[in-house]
Amino acid sequence: MTATRFALLYVAALIVCLPLDAIWLSLTANSLYRAHLGPIMLDQPRWAAAIVFYLLYGIGVALFCMTPALSGGGWTRAALLGAAFGFFCYVTYDATNHATLRDFPLILALIDVAWGVILTATAAGLGFLIATRVFGVAGD
């Protein structure tokens, strides 16, 4: 795997992930998250932490979901691996919050995990298509 090929996978994953998550958060921040978390939510996110999360998460999607799909299985394999990766990442976060925070409701954890699965499957599958069909990344 060349650095250029990996970088194109990474960029393709972020092209899908960032706008989708921005739309999700803009639609649900007040009605879902603020409604359940209330006073423990910040008025504005800590942008540096959010940026670090997305930069690292994009690497994970490219490395663990999209790269293996270059060897076979195509976008559907990338999407399935993305669903699994999203599940494990988001369930780790949400289960920890539910286990350790007094007012982190189970329903919020379940909704957030479901979103993580959908978001990551879409970022990996559609990102794979963008990388291979638009950016010209070839399989092994």
C-alpha atoms as a PDB file:
ATOM      1  CA  MET A   1       0.000   0.000   0.000  1.00  0.00           C
ATOM      2  CA  THR A   2       1.538   3.260  -1.059  1.00  0.00           C
ATOM      3  CA  ALA A   3       1.162   6.363   1.047  1.00  0.00           C
ATOM      4  CA  THR A   4      -0.637   8.087  -1.832  1.00  0.00           C
ATOM      5  CA  ARG A   5      -3.148   5.279  -2.229  1.00  0.00           C
ATOM      6  CA  PHE A   6      -3.841   5.235   1.512  1.00  0.00           C
ATOM      7  CA  ALA A   7      -4.173   9.034   1.570  1.00  0.00           C
ATOM      8  CA  LEU A   8      -6.798   8.859  -1.189  1.00  0.00           C
ATOM      9  CA  LEU A   9      -8.774   6.245   0.752  1.00  0.00           C
ATOM     10  CA  TYR A  10      -8.528   8.444   3.842  1.00  0.00           C
ATOM     11  CA  VAL A  11      -9.693  11.585   2.035  1.00  0.00           C
ATOM     12  CA  ALA A  12     -12.578   9.673   0.436  1.00  0.00           C
ATOM     13  CA  ALA A  13     -13.694   8.406   3.854  1.00  0.00           C
ATOM     14  CA  LEU A  14     -13.641  11.935   5.276  1.00  0.00           C
ATOM     15  CA  ILE A  15     -15.506  13.346   2.257  1.00  0.00           C
ATOM     16  CA  VAL A  16     -18.419  11.112   3.214  1.00  0.00           C
ATOM     17  CA  CYS A  17     -18.092  11.009   7.000  1.00  0.00           C
ATOM     18  CA  LEU A  18     -17.750  14.696   7.811  1.00  0.00           C
ATOM     19  CA  PRO A  19     -20.835  16.077   6.042  1.00  0.00           C
ATOM     20  CA  LEU A  20     -23.023  13.157   7.122  1.00  0.00           C
ATOM     21  CA  ASP A  21     -22.056  13.527  10.767  1.00  0.00           C
ATOM     22  CA  ALA A  22     -22.443  17.305  10.555  1.00  0.00           C
ATOM     23  CA  ILE A  23     -25.984  16.867   9.224  1.00  0.00           C
ATOM     24  CA  TRP A  24     -26.811  14.274  11.901  1.00  0.00           C
ATOM     25  CA  LEU A  25     -25.482  16.427  14.697  1.00  0.00           C
ATOM     26  CA  SER A  26     -27.181  19.584  13.440  1.00  0.00           C
ATOM     27  CA  LEU A  27     -30.513  17.737  13.291  1.00  0.00           C
ATOM     28  CA  THR A  28     -30.174  15.940  16.632  1.00  0.00           C
ATOM     29  CA  ALA A  29     -27.942  18.063  18.877  1.00  0.00           C
ATOM     30  CA  ASN A  30     -30.791  19.873  20.611  1.00  0.00           C
ATOM     31  CA  SER A  31     -33.654  17.444  20.199  1.00  0.00           C
ATOM     32  CA  LEU A  32     -31.748  14.295  21.169  1.00  0.00           C
ATOM     33  CA  TYR A  33     -28.415  14.925  22.825  1.00  0.00           C
ATOM     34  CA  ARG A  34     -29.251  18.128  24.714  1.00  0.00           C
ATOM     35  CA  ALA A  35     -32.652  16.756  25.684  1.00  0.00           C
ATOM     36  CA  HIS A  36     -31.004  13.739  27.322  1.00  0.00           C
ATOM     37  CA  LEU A  37     -27.712  15.194  28.523  1.00  0.00           C
ATOM     38  CA  GLY A  38     -28.860  18.696  29.414  1.00  0.00           C
ATOM     39  CA  PRO A  39     -26.427  20.548  31.637  1.00  0.00           C
ATOM     40  CA  ILE A  40     -23.432  18.292  30.999  1.00  0.00           C
ATOM     41  CA  MET A  41     -23.321  19.307  27.332  1.00  0.00           C
ATOM     42  CA  LEU A  42     -21.130  22.210  26.335  1.00  0.00           C
ATOM     43  CA  ASP A  43     -22.699  25.122  24.472  1.00  0.00           C
ATOM     44  CA  GLN A  44     -20.030  24.628  21.786  1.00  0.00           C
ATOM     45  CA  PRO A  45     -17.941  21.535  21.117  1.00  0.00           C
ATOM     46  CA  ARG A  46     -14.278  21.476  21.979  1.00  0.00           C
ATOM     47  CA  TRP A  47     -13.242  21.840  18.355  1.00  0.00           C
ATOM     48  CA  ALA A  48      -9.653  20.657  18.809  1.00  0.00           C
ATOM     49  CA  ALA A  49     -10.863  17.382  20.322  1.00  0.00           C
ATOM     50  CA  ALA A  50     -13.494  16.988  17.598  1.00  0.00           C
ATOM     51  CA  ILE A  51     -10.905  17.537  14.866  1.00  0.00           C
ATOM     52  CA  VAL A  52      -8.546  14.988  16.425  1.00  0.00           C
ATOM     53  CA  PHE A  53     -11.415  12.481  16.616  1.00  0.00           C
ATOM     54  CA  TYR A  54     -12.349  12.847  12.931  1.00  0.00           C
ATOM     55  CA  LEU A  55      -8.736  12.753  11.734  1.00  0.00           C
ATOM     56  CA  LEU A  56      -8.086   9.553  13.676  1.00  0.00           C
ATOM     57  CA  TYR A  57     -11.438   7.969  12.889  1.00  0.00           C
ATOM     58  CA  GLY A  58     -10.848   8.535   9.178  1.00  0.00           C
ATOM     59  CA  ILE A  59      -7.553   6.666   9.465  1.00  0.00           C
ATOM     60  CA  GLY A  60      -9.380   3.782  11.139  1.00  0.00           C
ATOM     61  CA  VAL A  61     -12.035   3.642   8.420  1.00  0.00           C
ATOM     62  CA  ALA A  62      -9.416   3.690   5.663  1.00  0.00           C
ATOM     63  CA  LEU A  63      -7.152   1.160   7.385  1.00  0.00           C
ATOM     64  CA  PHE A  64      -9.618  -1.355   8.793  1.00  0.00           C
ATOM     65  CA  CYS A  65     -12.529  -1.092   6.358  1.00  0.00           C
ATOM     66  CA  MET A  66     -11.461   0.231   2.978  1.00  0.00           C
ATOM     67  CA  THR A  67      -7.947  -1.191   2.607  1.00  0.00           C
ATOM     68  CA  PRO A  68      -9.038  -4.836   3.049  1.00  0.00           C
ATOM     69  CA  ALA A  69     -11.775  -4.285   0.471  1.00  0.00           C
ATOM     70  CA  LEU A  70      -9.138  -3.456  -2.143  1.00  0.00           C
ATOM     71  CA  SER A  71      -8.121  -7.133  -2.054  1.00  0.00           C
ATOM     72  CA  GLY A  72     -11.621  -8.267  -2.917  1.00  0.00           C
ATOM     73  CA  GLY A  73     -15.239  -7.717  -2.071  1.00  0.00           C
ATOM     74  CA  GLY A  74     -15.317  -4.111  -3.209  1.00  0.00           C
ATOM     75  CA  TRP A  75     -17.596  -1.506  -1.726  1.00  0.00           C
ATOM     76  CA  THR A  76     -19.893  -4.052  -0.072  1.00  0.00           C
ATOM     77  CA  ARG A  77     -17.009  -5.537   1.901  1.00  0.00           C
ATOM     78  CA  ALA A  78     -15.869  -2.041   2.853  1.00  0.00           C
ATOM     79  CA  ALA A  79     -19.403  -1.198   4.020  1.00  0.00           C
ATOM     80  CA  LEU A  80     -19.738  -4.404   6.064  1.00  0.00           C
ATOM     81  CA  LEU A  81     -16.358  -3.846   7.673  1.00  0.00           C
ATOM     82  CA  GLY A  82     -17.411  -0.244   8.271  1.00  0.00           C
ATOM     83  CA  ALA A  83     -20.574  -1.388  10.027  1.00  0.00           C
ATOM     84  CA  ALA A  84     -18.528  -3.662  12.290  1.00  0.00           C
ATOM     85  CA  PHE A  85     -15.868  -1.002  12.948  1.00  0.00           C
ATOM     86  CA  GLY A  86     -18.535   1.613  13.683  1.00  0.00           C
ATOM     87  CA  PHE A  87     -20.342  -0.761  16.017  1.00  0.00           C
ATOM     88  CA  PHE A  88     -17.253  -1.571  18.073  1.00  0.00           C
ATOM     89  CA  CYS A  89     -16.029   2.019  18.228  1.00  0.00           C
ATOM     90  CA  TYR A  90     -19.370   3.535  19.140  1.00  0.00           C
ATOM     91  CA  VAL A  91     -20.429   0.783  21.537  1.00  0.00           C
ATOM     92  CA  THR A  92     -17.136   1.184  23.382  1.00  0.00           C
ATOM     93  CA  TYR A  93     -17.778   4.897  23.803  1.00  0.00           C
ATOM     94  CA  ASP A  94     -21.478   4.671  24.617  1.00  0.00           C
ATOM     95  CA  ALA A  95     -21.287   1.632  26.899  1.00  0.00           C
ATOM     96  CA  THR A  96     -18.501   3.310  28.864  1.00  0.00           C
ATOM     97  CA  ASN A  97     -20.563   6.486  29.191  1.00  0.00           C
ATOM     98  CA  HIS A  98     -23.642   4.532  30.230  1.00  0.00           C
ATOM     99  CA  ALA A  99     -21.594   2.562  32.762  1.00  0.00           C
ATOM    100  CA  THR A 100     -19.818   5.532  34.321  1.00  0.00           C
ATOM    101  CA  LEU A 101     -22.042   8.603  33.975  1.00  0.00           C
ATOM    102  CA  ARG A 102     -25.071   9.014  36.214  1.00  0.00           C
ATOM    103  CA  ASP A 103     -27.283  10.576  33.563  1.00  0.00           C
ATOM    104  CA  PHE A 104     -26.275   8.855  30.329  1.00  0.00           C
ATOM    105  CA  PRO A 105     -29.471   7.056  29.296  1.00  0.00           C
ATOM    106  CA  LEU A 106     -29.493   3.669  27.622  1.00  0.00           C
ATOM    107  CA  ILE A 107     -31.772   4.917  24.822  1.00  0.00           C
ATOM    108  CA  LEU A 108     -29.224   7.563  23.882  1.00  0.00           C
ATOM    109  CA  ALA A 109     -26.454   4.959  23.860  1.00  0.00           C
ATOM    110  CA  LEU A 110     -28.488   2.676  21.585  1.00  0.00           C
ATOM    111  CA  ILE A 111     -29.384   5.485  19.166  1.00  0.00           C
ATOM    112  CA  ASP A 112     -25.768   6.666  19.050  1.00  0.00           C
ATOM    113  CA  VAL A 113     -24.441   3.154  18.381  1.00  0.00           C
ATOM    114  CA  ALA A 114     -26.972   2.702  15.580  1.00  0.00           C
ATOM    115  CA  TRP A 115     -25.844   6.015  14.088  1.00  0.00           C
ATOM    116  CA  GLY A 116     -22.192   4.959  14.374  1.00  0.00           C
ATOM    117  CA  VAL A 117     -22.937   1.772  12.426  1.00  0.00           C
ATOM    118  CA  ILE A 118     -24.812   3.658   9.696  1.00  0.00           C
ATOM    119  CA  LEU A 119     -22.274   6.478   9.478  1.00  0.00           C
ATOM    120  CA  THR A 120     -19.225   4.241   9.341  1.00  0.00           C
ATOM    121  CA  ALA A 121     -20.736   1.720   6.920  1.00  0.00           C
ATOM    122  CA  THR A 122     -21.679   4.584   4.605  1.00  0.00           C
ATOM    123  CA  ALA A 123     -18.307   6.330   4.939  1.00  0.00           C
ATOM    124  CA  ALA A 124     -16.458   3.089   4.182  1.00  0.00           C
ATOM    125  CA  GLY A 125     -18.691   1.867   1.347  1.00  0.00           C
ATOM    126  CA  LEU A 126     -19.320   5.163  -0.413  1.00  0.00           C
ATOM    127  CA  GLY A 127     -15.777   6.311   0.380  1.00  0.00           C
ATOM    128  CA  PHE A 128     -14.497   3.135  -1.289  1.00  0.00           C
ATOM    129  CA  LEU A 129     -16.521   3.917  -4.415  1.00  0.00           C
ATOM    130  CA  ILE A 130     -15.211   7.482  -4.474  1.00  0.00           C
ATOM    131  CA  ALA A 131     -11.633   6.308  -4.000  1.00  0.00           C
ATOM    132  CA  THR A 132     -11.802   3.657  -6.712  1.00  0.00           C
ATOM    133  CA  ARG A 133     -14.076   5.295  -9.290  1.00  0.00           C
ATOM    134  CA  VAL A 134     -13.289   8.986  -8.873  1.00  0.00           C
ATOM    135  CA  PHE A 135      -9.737   8.994  -7.512  1.00  0.00           C
ATOM    136  CA  GLY A 136      -8.648   5.907  -9.480  1.00  0.00           C
ATOM    137  CA  VAL A 137      -7.369   3.860  -6.538  1.00  0.00           C
ATOM    138  CA  ALA A 138      -6.809   0.321  -7.797  1.00  0.00           C
ATOM    139  CA  GLY A 139      -7.161  -2.919  -5.860  1.00  0.00           C
ATOM    140  CA  ASP A 140      -4.405  -5.407  -5.232  1.00  0.00           C
END
